[in-house]
Amino acid sequence: MKKIMMMLAAVLCCSAMMYLLSSCNKPVNPPTSEQKLEAEMTYKFRANSKIRSHFDVTVEYYDADGQVKSEQVTDEGSFEKKVRTKLPCKLGMRVLLQVKEGQDVNTMRAFAGAYTYKVTGYVVDDDDYVVSDVAEVEDAVSFTIAEGKVAEWYEENKNGLVSILYAFKEDKTFSRIEW
């Protein structure tokens, strides 16, 4: 009986040693995959018919490839786009005005204009969860321009009726920068 117990203890000891030796080659914490982070931004702009009757309205924006694209605001008066791209990046939009052919800002009659915009941006992870603060800029603007003042207003606004640009960094932070 003593021999059987000794043999059983020896087998148990060998089994324990084999288990310990084989488990030493396995990592304690398996490596985790790198989290893929992307910046996402939604651009919205709407201009009333009075602005669009005197001016061609163009929205420039940063696309997913980091390129500046431009689109003319349609007859409906609105523009909307969602862009998603890898970090680091720049995302933003600006609205440009160009006097329509046949119009003259020096002799243009008084008019009431209105426009709205909203830009919302953040960083998302692989599971589409927002993992950063949210950048949000929005406004609704109404104005009346007196006759003889349209040229002055146009000069002030032709290169940026709206101008919003953010730099997103790999550490999930962002800051507003000049266009």
C-alpha atoms as a PDB file:
ATOM      1  CA  MET A   1       0.000   0.000   0.000  1.00  0.00           C
ATOM      2  CA  LYS A   2       2.896   2.303   0.766  1.00  0.00           C
ATOM      3  CA  LYS A   3       4.352   1.668  -2.680  1.00  0.00           C
ATOM      4  CA  ILE A   4       1.037   2.490  -4.347  1.00  0.00           C
ATOM      5  CA  MET A   5       0.742   5.720  -2.392  1.00  0.00           C
ATOM      6  CA  MET A   6       4.322   6.663  -3.262  1.00  0.00           C
ATOM      7  CA  MET A   7       3.650   5.874  -6.918  1.00  0.00           C
ATOM      8  CA  LEU A   8       0.441   7.921  -6.862  1.00  0.00           C
ATOM      9  CA  ALA A   9       2.266  10.850  -5.227  1.00  0.00           C
ATOM     10  CA  ALA A  10       5.019  10.650  -7.863  1.00  0.00           C
ATOM     11  CA  VAL A  11       2.477  10.642 -10.717  1.00  0.00           C
ATOM     12  CA  LEU A  12       0.650  13.554  -9.128  1.00  0.00           C
ATOM     13  CA  CYS A  13       3.915  15.453  -8.727  1.00  0.00           C
ATOM     14  CA  CYS A  14       4.866  14.840 -12.368  1.00  0.00           C
ATOM     15  CA  SER A  15       1.440  15.924 -13.557  1.00  0.00           C
ATOM     16  CA  ALA A  16       1.630  19.130 -11.540  1.00  0.00           C
ATOM     17  CA  MET A  17       5.128  19.877 -12.859  1.00  0.00           C
ATOM     18  CA  MET A  18       4.008  19.286 -16.469  1.00  0.00           C
ATOM     19  CA  TYR A  19       1.043  21.628 -15.985  1.00  0.00           C
ATOM     20  CA  LEU A  20       3.217  24.353 -14.475  1.00  0.00           C
ATOM     21  CA  LEU A  21       5.859  24.062 -17.169  1.00  0.00           C
ATOM     22  CA  SER A  22       3.372  24.120 -20.000  1.00  0.00           C
ATOM     23  CA  SER A  23       1.457  27.070 -18.575  1.00  0.00           C
ATOM     24  CA  CYS A  24       4.614  29.184 -18.206  1.00  0.00           C
ATOM     25  CA  ASN A  25       4.808  29.617 -21.975  1.00  0.00           C
ATOM     26  CA  LYS A  26       1.330  31.191 -22.177  1.00  0.00           C
ATOM     27  CA  PRO A  27       0.977  34.930 -21.691  1.00  0.00           C
ATOM     28  CA  VAL A  28      -0.816  35.953 -18.537  1.00  0.00           C
ATOM     29  CA  ASN A  29      -2.698  38.790 -20.283  1.00  0.00           C
ATOM     30  CA  PRO A  30      -3.289  38.200 -23.977  1.00  0.00           C
ATOM     31  CA  PRO A  31      -2.463  41.251 -26.066  1.00  0.00           C
ATOM     32  CA  THR A  32      -5.425  43.467 -26.896  1.00  0.00           C
ATOM     33  CA  SER A  33      -5.921  44.776 -30.406  1.00  0.00           C
ATOM     34  CA  GLU A  34      -5.353  48.469 -31.036  1.00  0.00           C
ATOM     35  CA  GLN A  35      -8.569  50.421 -30.728  1.00  0.00           C
ATOM     36  CA  LYS A  36      -9.457  52.071 -34.059  1.00  0.00           C
ATOM     37  CA  LEU A  37     -10.551  55.654 -33.398  1.00  0.00           C
ATOM     38  CA  GLU A  38     -12.131  57.949 -35.960  1.00  0.00           C
ATOM     39  CA  ALA A  39     -13.423  61.497 -35.990  1.00  0.00           C
ATOM     40  CA  GLU A  40     -16.969  62.055 -37.190  1.00  0.00           C
ATOM     41  CA  MET A  41     -18.561  65.378 -38.075  1.00  0.00           C
ATOM     42  CA  THR A  42     -21.960  66.394 -39.415  1.00  0.00           C
ATOM     43  CA  TYR A  43     -22.339  69.624 -41.374  1.00  0.00           C
ATOM     44  CA  LYS A  44     -25.708  71.356 -41.851  1.00  0.00           C
ATOM     45  CA  PHE A  45     -26.454  74.680 -43.506  1.00  0.00           C
ATOM     46  CA  ARG A  46     -29.641  76.319 -44.766  1.00  0.00           C
ATOM     47  CA  ALA A  47     -30.100  79.729 -46.447  1.00  0.00           C
ATOM     48  CA  ASN A  48     -33.374  81.470 -47.259  1.00  0.00           C
ATOM     49  CA  SER A  49     -34.488  82.258 -50.805  1.00  0.00           C
ATOM     50  CA  LYS A  50     -33.590  85.971 -50.510  1.00  0.00           C
ATOM     51  CA  ILE A  51     -29.898  85.161 -50.000  1.00  0.00           C
ATOM     52  CA  ARG A  52     -29.975  82.542 -52.775  1.00  0.00           C
ATOM     53  CA  SER A  53     -31.705  84.934 -55.187  1.00  0.00           C
ATOM     54  CA  HIS A  54     -28.777  87.382 -54.983  1.00  0.00           C
ATOM     55  CA  PHE A  55     -25.820  85.074 -54.323  1.00  0.00           C
ATOM     56  CA  ASP A  56     -24.481  81.659 -55.279  1.00  0.00           C
ATOM     57  CA  VAL A  57     -23.904  79.929 -51.946  1.00  0.00           C
ATOM     58  CA  THR A  58     -21.119  77.344 -51.791  1.00  0.00           C
ATOM     59  CA  VAL A  59     -20.180  75.125 -48.851  1.00  0.00           C
ATOM     60  CA  GLU A  60     -16.555  74.018 -48.599  1.00  0.00           C
ATOM     61  CA  TYR A  61     -15.858  71.120 -46.224  1.00  0.00           C
ATOM     62  CA  TYR A  62     -13.172  68.618 -45.312  1.00  0.00           C
ATOM     63  CA  ASP A  63     -14.017  65.122 -46.562  1.00  0.00           C
ATOM     64  CA  ALA A  64     -12.929  61.663 -45.315  1.00  0.00           C
ATOM     65  CA  ASP A  65      -9.673  61.868 -47.334  1.00  0.00           C
ATOM     66  CA  GLY A  66      -8.678  65.188 -45.757  1.00  0.00           C
ATOM     67  CA  GLN A  67      -9.403  67.069 -48.977  1.00  0.00           C
ATOM     68  CA  VAL A  68     -11.418  70.285 -49.192  1.00  0.00           C
ATOM     69  CA  LYS A  69     -14.527  69.675 -51.298  1.00  0.00           C
ATOM     70  CA  SER A  70     -17.165  72.177 -52.335  1.00  0.00           C
ATOM     71  CA  GLU A  71     -20.855  71.906 -53.132  1.00  0.00           C
ATOM     72  CA  GLN A  72     -23.298  74.561 -54.152  1.00  0.00           C
ATOM     73  CA  VAL A  73     -26.373  74.954 -51.972  1.00  0.00           C
ATOM     74  CA  THR A  74     -29.357  73.630 -53.917  1.00  0.00           C
ATOM     75  CA  ASP A  75     -32.594  75.363 -54.830  1.00  0.00           C
ATOM     76  CA  GLU A  76     -34.097  73.940 -51.633  1.00  0.00           C
ATOM     77  CA  GLY A  77     -31.539  76.030 -49.782  1.00  0.00           C
ATOM     78  CA  SER A  78     -29.976  73.329 -47.655  1.00  0.00           C
ATOM     79  CA  PHE A  79     -26.770  71.336 -47.408  1.00  0.00           C
ATOM     80  CA  GLU A  80     -26.095  68.351 -45.132  1.00  0.00           C
ATOM     81  CA  LYS A  81     -23.128  65.979 -45.021  1.00  0.00           C
ATOM     82  CA  LYS A  82     -21.623  63.497 -42.542  1.00  0.00           C
ATOM     83  CA  VAL A  83     -17.900  62.739 -42.713  1.00  0.00           C
ATOM     84  CA  ARG A  84     -15.934  60.078 -40.836  1.00  0.00           C
ATOM     85  CA  THR A  85     -12.166  59.682 -41.029  1.00  0.00           C
ATOM     86  CA  LYS A  86      -9.137  58.368 -39.162  1.00  0.00           C
ATOM     87  CA  LEU A  87      -7.193  60.409 -36.618  1.00  0.00           C
ATOM     88  CA  PRO A  88      -5.377  62.817 -36.708  1.00  0.00           C
ATOM     89  CA  CYS A  89      -7.394  65.009 -39.050  1.00  0.00           C
ATOM     90  CA  LYS A  90      -9.055  68.337 -39.732  1.00  0.00           C
ATOM     91  CA  LEU A  91     -12.824  68.573 -40.099  1.00  0.00           C
ATOM     92  CA  GLY A  92     -14.974  71.629 -40.688  1.00  0.00           C
ATOM     93  CA  MET A  93     -16.944  73.728 -43.143  1.00  0.00           C
ATOM     94  CA  ARG A  94     -17.196  77.256 -44.396  1.00  0.00           C
ATOM     95  CA  VAL A  95     -19.837  78.994 -46.478  1.00  0.00           C
ATOM     96  CA  LEU A  96     -18.794  81.258 -49.340  1.00  0.00           C
ATOM     97  CA  LEU A  97     -20.910  83.761 -51.285  1.00  0.00           C
ATOM     98  CA  GLN A  98     -20.536  84.846 -54.907  1.00  0.00           C
ATOM     99  CA  VAL A  99     -22.707  87.546 -56.484  1.00  0.00           C
ATOM    100  CA  LYS A 100     -24.999  85.969 -59.090  1.00  0.00           C
ATOM    101  CA  GLU A 101     -24.415  86.897 -62.699  1.00  0.00           C
ATOM    102  CA  GLY A 102     -26.419  89.986 -63.639  1.00  0.00           C
ATOM    103  CA  GLN A 103     -26.567  91.262 -60.034  1.00  0.00           C
ATOM    104  CA  ASP A 104     -24.676  94.276 -58.709  1.00  0.00           C
ATOM    105  CA  VAL A 105     -24.146  94.628 -54.960  1.00  0.00           C
ATOM    106  CA  ASN A 106     -23.706  98.407 -55.360  1.00  0.00           C
ATOM    107  CA  THR A 107     -27.257  98.853 -56.662  1.00  0.00           C
ATOM    108  CA  MET A 108     -28.951  95.924 -54.939  1.00  0.00           C
ATOM    109  CA  ARG A 109     -32.198  96.671 -53.162  1.00  0.00           C
ATOM    110  CA  ALA A 110     -32.642  96.106 -49.428  1.00  0.00           C
ATOM    111  CA  PHE A 111     -33.411  92.530 -48.463  1.00  0.00           C
ATOM    112  CA  ALA A 112     -34.017  90.341 -45.411  1.00  0.00           C
ATOM    113  CA  GLY A 113     -31.784  87.320 -45.153  1.00  0.00           C
ATOM    114  CA  ALA A 114     -31.720  84.327 -42.853  1.00  0.00           C
ATOM    115  CA  TYR A 115     -29.526  81.264 -42.478  1.00  0.00           C
ATOM    116  CA  THR A 116     -28.928  78.488 -39.973  1.00  0.00           C
ATOM    117  CA  TYR A 117     -26.041  76.130 -39.440  1.00  0.00           C
ATOM    118  CA  LYS A 118     -24.985  73.335 -37.146  1.00  0.00           C
ATOM    119  CA  VAL A 119     -21.672  71.512 -36.963  1.00  0.00           C
ATOM    120  CA  THR A 120     -21.311  68.538 -34.608  1.00  0.00           C
ATOM    121  CA  GLY A 121     -18.114  66.521 -34.203  1.00  0.00           C
ATOM    122  CA  TYR A 122     -16.602  63.901 -31.892  1.00  0.00           C
ATOM    123  CA  VAL A 123     -14.364  60.811 -31.770  1.00  0.00           C
ATOM    124  CA  VAL A 124     -15.867  57.312 -32.023  1.00  0.00           C
ATOM    125  CA  ASP A 125     -14.391  53.857 -31.348  1.00  0.00           C
ATOM    126  CA  ASP A 126     -14.791  50.525 -33.212  1.00  0.00           C
ATOM    127  CA  ASP A 127     -18.196  49.980 -31.629  1.00  0.00           C
ATOM    128  CA  ASP A 128     -19.462  53.451 -32.690  1.00  0.00           C
ATOM    129  CA  TYR A 129     -19.407  54.761 -29.130  1.00  0.00           C
ATOM    130  CA  VAL A 130     -18.542  58.433 -28.674  1.00  0.00           C
ATOM    131  CA  VAL A 131     -15.272  58.460 -26.693  1.00  0.00           C
ATOM    132  CA  SER A 132     -14.521  62.187 -26.575  1.00  0.00           C
ATOM    133  CA  ASP A 133     -16.108  65.492 -25.786  1.00  0.00           C
ATOM    134  CA  VAL A 134     -18.531  66.792 -28.402  1.00  0.00           C
ATOM    135  CA  ALA A 135     -17.803  69.879 -30.489  1.00  0.00           C
ATOM    136  CA  GLU A 136     -21.035  71.576 -31.446  1.00  0.00           C
ATOM    137  CA  VAL A 137     -21.531  74.978 -33.001  1.00  0.00           C
ATOM    138  CA  GLU A 138     -24.916  76.177 -34.178  1.00  0.00           C
ATOM    139  CA  ASP A 139     -26.706  79.427 -34.835  1.00  0.00           C
ATOM    140  CA  ALA A 140     -29.734  80.925 -36.545  1.00  0.00           C
ATOM    141  CA  VAL A 141     -29.087  84.343 -38.071  1.00  0.00           C
ATOM    142  CA  SER A 142     -31.684  86.798 -39.400  1.00  0.00           C
ATOM    143  CA  PHE A 143     -30.837  90.234 -40.740  1.00  0.00           C
ATOM    144  CA  THR A 144     -32.048  93.057 -42.910  1.00  0.00           C
ATOM    145  CA  ILE A 145     -29.641  94.935 -45.145  1.00  0.00           C
ATOM    146  CA  ALA A 146     -30.551  98.476 -46.083  1.00  0.00           C
ATOM    147  CA  GLU A 147     -30.304  99.651 -49.663  1.00  0.00           C
ATOM    148  CA  GLY A 148     -26.798 100.957 -50.334  1.00  0.00           C
ATOM    149  CA  LYS A 149     -25.275  98.712 -47.621  1.00  0.00           C
ATOM    150  CA  VAL A 150     -25.303  95.386 -49.487  1.00  0.00           C
ATOM    151  CA  ALA A 151     -21.788  95.866 -50.956  1.00  0.00           C
ATOM    152  CA  GLU A 152     -20.363  96.493 -47.492  1.00  0.00           C
ATOM    153  CA  TRP A 153     -22.118  93.429 -46.042  1.00  0.00           C
ATOM    154  CA  TYR A 154     -20.953  91.277 -48.973  1.00  0.00           C
ATOM    155  CA  GLU A 155     -17.303  92.310 -48.542  1.00  0.00           C
ATOM    156  CA  GLU A 156     -17.450  91.324 -44.872  1.00  0.00           C
ATOM    157  CA  ASN A 157     -19.056  87.927 -45.546  1.00  0.00           C
ATOM    158  CA  LYS A 158     -18.107  86.655 -49.005  1.00  0.00           C
ATOM    159  CA  ASN A 159     -15.214  84.501 -47.761  1.00  0.00           C
ATOM    160  CA  GLY A 160     -16.859  83.088 -44.696  1.00  0.00           C
ATOM    161  CA  LEU A 161     -20.485  83.618 -43.885  1.00  0.00           C
ATOM    162  CA  VAL A 162     -19.802  80.606 -41.647  1.00  0.00           C
ATOM    163  CA  SER A 163     -16.287  79.318 -40.935  1.00  0.00           C
ATOM    164  CA  ILE A 164     -15.712  76.407 -38.543  1.00  0.00           C
ATOM    165  CA  LEU A 165     -12.656  74.127 -38.452  1.00  0.00           C
ATOM    166  CA  TYR A 166     -11.369  71.650 -35.852  1.00  0.00           C
ATOM    167  CA  ALA A 167      -8.110  69.725 -35.547  1.00  0.00           C
ATOM    168  CA  PHE A 168      -8.655  66.253 -34.063  1.00  0.00           C
ATOM    169  CA  LYS A 169      -5.672  64.530 -32.416  1.00  0.00           C
ATOM    170  CA  GLU A 170      -4.904  60.834 -31.827  1.00  0.00           C
ATOM    171  CA  ASP A 171      -5.413  61.258 -28.066  1.00  0.00           C
ATOM    172  CA  LYS A 172      -9.165  61.897 -28.659  1.00  0.00           C
ATOM    173  CA  THR A 173      -8.887  65.658 -28.117  1.00  0.00           C
ATOM    174  CA  PHE A 174      -9.648  68.444 -30.566  1.00  0.00           C
ATOM    175  CA  SER A 175      -9.308  72.200 -30.793  1.00  0.00           C
ATOM    176  CA  ARG A 176     -10.850  74.872 -32.939  1.00  0.00           C
ATOM    177  CA  ILE A 177      -8.459  76.373 -35.490  1.00  0.00           C
ATOM    178  CA  GLU A 178      -8.614  79.029 -38.207  1.00  0.00           C
ATOM    179  CA  TRP A 179      -9.788  77.980 -41.647  1.00  0.00           C
END
